[in-house]
Amino acid sequence: MHHTHFNTIHSTQVYLRDNLVELLSHSPEILITASEQTMGIGRKGSQWDSYSNSLAMSFTMAPNLIPTMTPIEIGILTSEFLKKAYDIFIFLKWPNDLLTLENKKCGGIIAQYIDTETVVAGLGLNLGDTHTRTAPGHYKHGLGNVSQKIVLSAEDQKNIPAKIYQYILSNRIHTSTELQERFKKSCIHMDKLVAIDDDGSSYSGLFKGIGLNGEALVEIGGEIKPYLASSLKILN
């Protein structure tokens, strides 16, 4: 593994993407971490805000055998690792958000498909106190953190992501059925009422899990309907 940590950087994701060819000459397993990002990137190019006591990491990995399942796999493995290693509980919101038990957003995942061998993935996670109680508008479920008691040192912000990355690489999930079952265990809105925004149209129904390609399965009027390139909000 080739790991570079920055005290401050514009974006771990942009740095990795812009220097990918050179970095891959060192190792196929690249990890970029930072204590602070000034221009962090979220899903669909949105801003990912940088807070104290947070983790910021971008890394390379092979895509899942079902490429659209890659961010879901990362979320499952991150949640499982934090529970096993630190007794920290975070939950998944389809398709790529990390939430606290109080339904507040504490993290997110992005995955950019490069080729059949490489995905450039990013993970941001607010573990400790963010020192703010005002949630940006793009935090649909409010700004959250895992625990106000957690205080991360620069070494923590370097070493914890390295452990997460190694766990992901060592515990890949290879079948859609296993991904479906393990997602259910970490998902915070199974069988709950959700709103789906699909290409400008909004639908509401009960969330029933994910399909074989990672699509949201929502029960609307007694019929299970799949949604892939959409966003979701929990209604209850």
Protein backbone atom coordinates (compact mmCIF):
# COMPACT_ATOMS: atom_id res chain seq x y z
CA MET A 1 0.00 0.00 0.00
CA HIS A 2 1.19 3.51 -0.88
CA HIS A 3 -0.17 5.93 1.75
CA THR A 4 0.24 9.71 1.73
CA HIS A 5 -1.16 11.91 4.50
CA PHE A 6 -1.60 15.67 4.31
CA ASN A 7 -2.24 18.08 7.16
CA THR A 8 -4.27 20.23 4.73
CA ILE A 9 -5.23 19.57 1.13
CA HIS A 10 -7.82 20.92 -1.29
CA SER A 11 -9.35 17.45 -1.88
CA THR A 12 -8.01 13.93 -1.36
CA GLN A 13 -10.26 12.82 -4.23
CA VAL A 14 -8.97 15.41 -6.71
CA TYR A 15 -5.36 14.79 -5.69
CA LEU A 16 -5.69 11.06 -6.20
CA ARG A 17 -7.53 11.41 -9.50
CA ASP A 18 -5.08 14.00 -10.88
CA ASN A 19 -2.01 11.99 -9.88
CA LEU A 20 -3.42 8.51 -10.46
CA VAL A 21 -0.98 7.31 -13.13
CA GLU A 22 2.10 8.33 -11.15
CA LEU A 23 0.71 6.97 -7.87
CA LEU A 24 -0.19 3.61 -9.42
CA SER A 25 3.45 3.23 -10.44
CA HIS A 26 4.20 2.77 -6.72
CA SER A 27 1.39 0.34 -5.91
CA PRO A 28 -2.09 -0.64 -7.11
CA GLU A 29 -3.29 0.11 -3.58
CA ILE A 30 -3.23 3.89 -3.06
CA LEU A 31 -4.54 5.71 0.03
CA ILE A 32 -4.62 9.49 0.39
CA THR A 33 -5.69 10.94 3.77
CA ALA A 34 -5.90 14.42 5.25
CA SER A 35 -6.59 16.12 8.55
CA GLU A 36 -8.36 18.95 6.71
CA GLN A 37 -9.82 19.44 3.24
CA THR A 38 -10.55 22.90 1.88
CA MET A 39 -12.55 21.74 -1.15
CA GLY A 40 -13.83 18.25 -0.35
CA ILE A 41 -16.08 16.59 -2.94
CA GLY A 42 -19.29 14.70 -2.31
CA ARG A 43 -21.71 12.75 -4.48
CA LYS A 44 -22.50 14.19 -7.94
CA GLY A 45 -19.82 16.84 -7.48
CA SER A 46 -21.42 18.45 -4.42
CA GLN A 47 -19.28 19.95 -1.68
CA TRP A 48 -18.18 17.80 1.25
CA ASP A 49 -17.60 20.07 4.24
CA SER A 50 -14.50 19.59 6.37
CA TYR A 51 -14.86 19.48 10.16
CA SER A 52 -12.53 18.83 13.06
CA ASN A 53 -12.49 15.28 14.44
CA SER A 54 -13.35 13.86 11.03
CA LEU A 55 -11.78 11.35 8.66
CA ALA A 56 -11.06 12.23 5.03
CA MET A 57 -9.74 9.52 2.74
CA SER A 58 -9.59 8.56 -0.93
CA PHE A 59 -8.30 5.27 -2.24
CA THR A 60 -8.08 2.87 -5.13
CA MET A 61 -9.68 -0.55 -5.31
CA ALA A 62 -10.95 -2.97 -7.91
CA PRO A 63 -14.63 -2.42 -8.67
CA ASN A 64 -17.12 -4.88 -7.29
CA LEU A 65 -18.12 -7.65 -9.70
CA ILE A 66 -21.34 -5.62 -9.98
CA PRO A 67 -19.76 -2.15 -10.43
CA THR A 68 -22.85 -0.26 -9.22
CA MET A 69 -22.55 -2.15 -5.92
CA THR A 70 -19.08 -0.71 -5.18
CA PRO A 71 -20.13 2.23 -2.93
CA ILE A 72 -22.64 -0.01 -1.13
CA GLU A 73 -19.90 -2.57 -0.48
CA ILE A 74 -17.62 0.17 0.89
CA GLY A 75 -20.38 1.36 3.22
CA ILE A 76 -21.14 -2.12 4.52
CA LEU A 77 -17.48 -2.91 5.23
CA THR A 78 -16.80 0.47 6.84
CA SER A 79 -19.79 0.07 9.16
CA GLU A 80 -18.78 -3.47 10.08
CA PHE A 81 -15.15 -2.51 10.72
CA LEU A 82 -15.96 0.41 13.02
CA LYS A 83 -18.33 -1.77 15.03
CA LYS A 84 -15.77 -4.59 15.41
CA ALA A 85 -12.69 -2.44 16.01
CA TYR A 86 -14.03 0.50 18.04
CA ASP A 87 -17.60 -0.35 19.06
CA ILE A 88 -18.68 2.60 16.90
CA PHE A 89 -22.11 2.35 15.29
CA ILE A 90 -22.88 4.01 11.97
CA PHE A 91 -25.72 3.11 9.64
CA LEU A 92 -26.27 3.14 5.89
CA LYS A 93 -28.74 5.24 3.93
CA TRP A 94 -29.14 4.27 0.30
CA PRO A 95 -27.25 4.86 -1.89
CA ASN A 96 -24.09 6.15 -0.21
CA ASP A 97 -24.71 8.11 3.01
CA LEU A 98 -23.59 7.22 6.53
CA LEU A 99 -25.98 8.15 9.35
CA THR A 100 -25.97 8.20 13.13
CA LEU A 101 -28.58 6.34 15.17
CA GLU A 102 -30.44 9.67 15.36
CA ASN A 103 -30.84 9.67 11.55
CA LYS A 104 -28.31 12.49 11.06
CA LYS A 105 -25.74 12.41 8.29
CA CYS A 106 -22.21 11.82 9.57
CA GLY A 107 -20.50 10.65 6.40
CA GLY A 108 -20.65 9.75 2.76
CA ILE A 109 -19.05 7.65 0.04
CA ILE A 110 -18.28 8.30 -3.61
CA ALA A 111 -16.88 5.87 -6.17
CA GLN A 112 -15.59 6.88 -9.60
CA TYR A 113 -15.19 4.01 -12.06
CA ILE A 114 -11.89 4.37 -13.95
CA ASP A 115 -11.57 1.02 -15.73
CA THR A 116 -12.15 -2.69 -15.14
CA GLU A 117 -9.34 -2.76 -12.57
CA THR A 118 -9.66 0.55 -10.77
CA VAL A 119 -12.19 2.62 -8.86
CA VAL A 120 -11.20 5.88 -7.18
CA ALA A 121 -13.27 5.95 -4.00
CA GLY A 122 -13.72 8.60 -1.34
CA LEU A 123 -14.96 8.40 2.23
CA GLY A 124 -15.65 11.23 4.66
CA LEU A 125 -16.80 10.55 8.21
CA ASN A 126 -17.51 12.89 11.16
CA LEU A 127 -16.47 10.77 14.13
CA GLY A 128 -16.18 13.47 16.81
CA ASP A 129 -17.61 16.89 17.65
CA THR A 130 -17.88 19.09 14.54
CA HIS A 131 -17.98 22.27 16.68
CA THR A 132 -21.06 23.46 14.80
CA ARG A 133 -24.75 22.80 15.04
CA THR A 134 -25.77 24.36 11.73
CA ALA A 135 -26.27 21.80 8.98
CA PRO A 136 -25.58 22.82 5.37
CA GLY A 137 -28.59 22.68 3.06
CA HIS A 138 -27.37 19.56 1.27
CA TYR A 139 -27.48 17.60 4.56
CA LYS A 140 -31.06 16.40 4.10
CA HIS A 141 -31.10 14.68 7.49
CA GLY A 142 -29.07 17.19 9.50
CA LEU A 143 -25.42 17.31 10.46
CA GLY A 144 -24.35 14.51 12.78
CA ASN A 145 -21.32 12.97 14.41
CA VAL A 146 -20.80 9.60 16.02
CA SER A 147 -19.85 10.95 19.45
CA GLN A 148 -19.06 14.40 20.84
CA LYS A 149 -16.57 12.68 23.14
CA ILE A 150 -14.31 11.53 20.31
CA VAL A 151 -11.26 13.74 19.75
CA LEU A 152 -9.00 12.72 16.87
CA SER A 153 -5.30 13.47 16.67
CA ALA A 154 -3.49 13.88 13.35
CA GLU A 155 -2.15 10.36 13.84
CA ASP A 156 -5.72 9.07 14.28
CA GLN A 157 -6.75 10.83 11.07
CA LYS A 158 -3.90 9.03 9.33
CA ASN A 159 -4.03 5.60 10.98
CA ILE A 160 -7.78 4.90 11.30
CA PRO A 161 -8.38 5.35 7.54
CA ALA A 162 -5.46 3.00 6.86
CA LYS A 163 -7.13 0.35 9.02
CA ILE A 164 -10.49 0.89 7.29
CA TYR A 165 -8.82 0.60 3.88
CA GLN A 166 -7.00 -2.60 4.77
CA TYR A 167 -10.24 -4.09 6.12
CA ILE A 168 -12.07 -3.24 2.89
CA LEU A 169 -9.34 -4.81 0.74
CA SER A 170 -9.21 -7.95 2.89
CA ASN A 171 -12.96 -8.56 3.18
CA ARG A 172 -14.42 -8.00 -0.28
CA ILE A 173 -18.04 -9.11 -0.76
CA HIS A 174 -18.32 -11.01 -4.03
CA THR A 175 -21.99 -11.87 -4.54
CA SER A 176 -25.06 -9.69 -4.94
CA THR A 177 -27.10 -11.86 -2.59
CA GLU A 178 -24.56 -11.45 0.23
CA LEU A 179 -24.42 -7.70 -0.38
CA GLN A 180 -28.21 -7.55 -0.22
CA GLU A 181 -28.35 -9.41 3.10
CA ARG A 182 -25.51 -7.49 4.75
CA PHE A 183 -26.93 -4.18 3.56
CA LYS A 184 -30.19 -4.98 5.35
CA LYS A 185 -28.31 -5.41 8.63
CA SER A 186 -26.68 -1.96 8.39
CA CYS A 187 -29.47 -0.01 6.67
CA ILE A 188 -31.26 2.45 8.96
CA HIS A 189 -34.47 2.71 6.89
CA MET A 190 -35.49 -0.87 6.08
CA ASP A 191 -39.30 -1.08 5.84
CA LYS A 192 -39.59 2.64 6.55
CA LEU A 193 -41.44 5.27 4.54
CA VAL A 194 -39.06 7.05 2.17
CA ALA A 195 -39.26 9.61 -0.62
CA ILE A 196 -37.42 8.86 -3.86
CA ASP A 197 -36.38 11.69 -6.17
CA ASP A 198 -36.02 10.11 -9.60
CA ASP A 199 -35.10 12.41 -12.49
CA GLY A 200 -37.07 15.30 -11.06
CA SER A 201 -40.13 13.26 -10.05
CA SER A 202 -40.84 12.35 -6.43
CA TYR A 203 -42.36 9.09 -5.19
CA SER A 204 -42.97 7.77 -1.68
CA GLY A 205 -43.23 4.22 -0.43
CA LEU A 206 -41.74 1.59 1.87
CA PHE A 207 -38.06 0.79 1.41
CA LYS A 208 -37.65 -2.98 0.92
CA GLY A 209 -33.91 -3.36 0.33
CA ILE A 210 -31.63 -3.34 -2.70
CA GLY A 211 -31.74 -5.26 -5.97
CA LEU A 212 -29.04 -7.33 -7.65
CA ASN A 213 -27.43 -4.17 -9.09
CA GLY A 214 -27.72 -2.06 -5.95
CA GLU A 215 -30.94 -0.34 -6.97
CA ALA A 216 -33.38 0.80 -4.27
CA LEU A 217 -36.48 -1.40 -4.04
CA VAL A 218 -39.48 0.65 -2.95
CA GLU A 219 -43.00 -0.66 -2.41
CA ILE A 220 -45.49 1.77 -3.92
CA GLY A 221 -49.16 0.86 -4.10
CA GLY A 222 -48.41 -2.80 -3.40
CA GLU A 223 -45.82 -3.03 -6.21
CA ILE A 224 -42.02 -3.22 -5.73
CA LYS A 225 -40.34 -0.69 -8.00
CA PRO A 226 -36.56 -0.33 -8.62
CA TYR A 227 -34.68 2.99 -8.60
CA LEU A 228 -30.98 3.21 -9.45
CA ALA A 229 -29.80 6.76 -10.24
CA SER A 230 -31.93 8.49 -7.61
CA SER A 231 -31.75 10.14 -4.20
CA LEU A 232 -33.66 9.12 -1.08
CA LYS A 233 -35.03 10.85 2.00
CA ILE A 234 -36.32 9.05 5.09
CA LEU A 235 -39.82 10.20 6.02
CA ASN A 236 -40.35 8.33 9.31
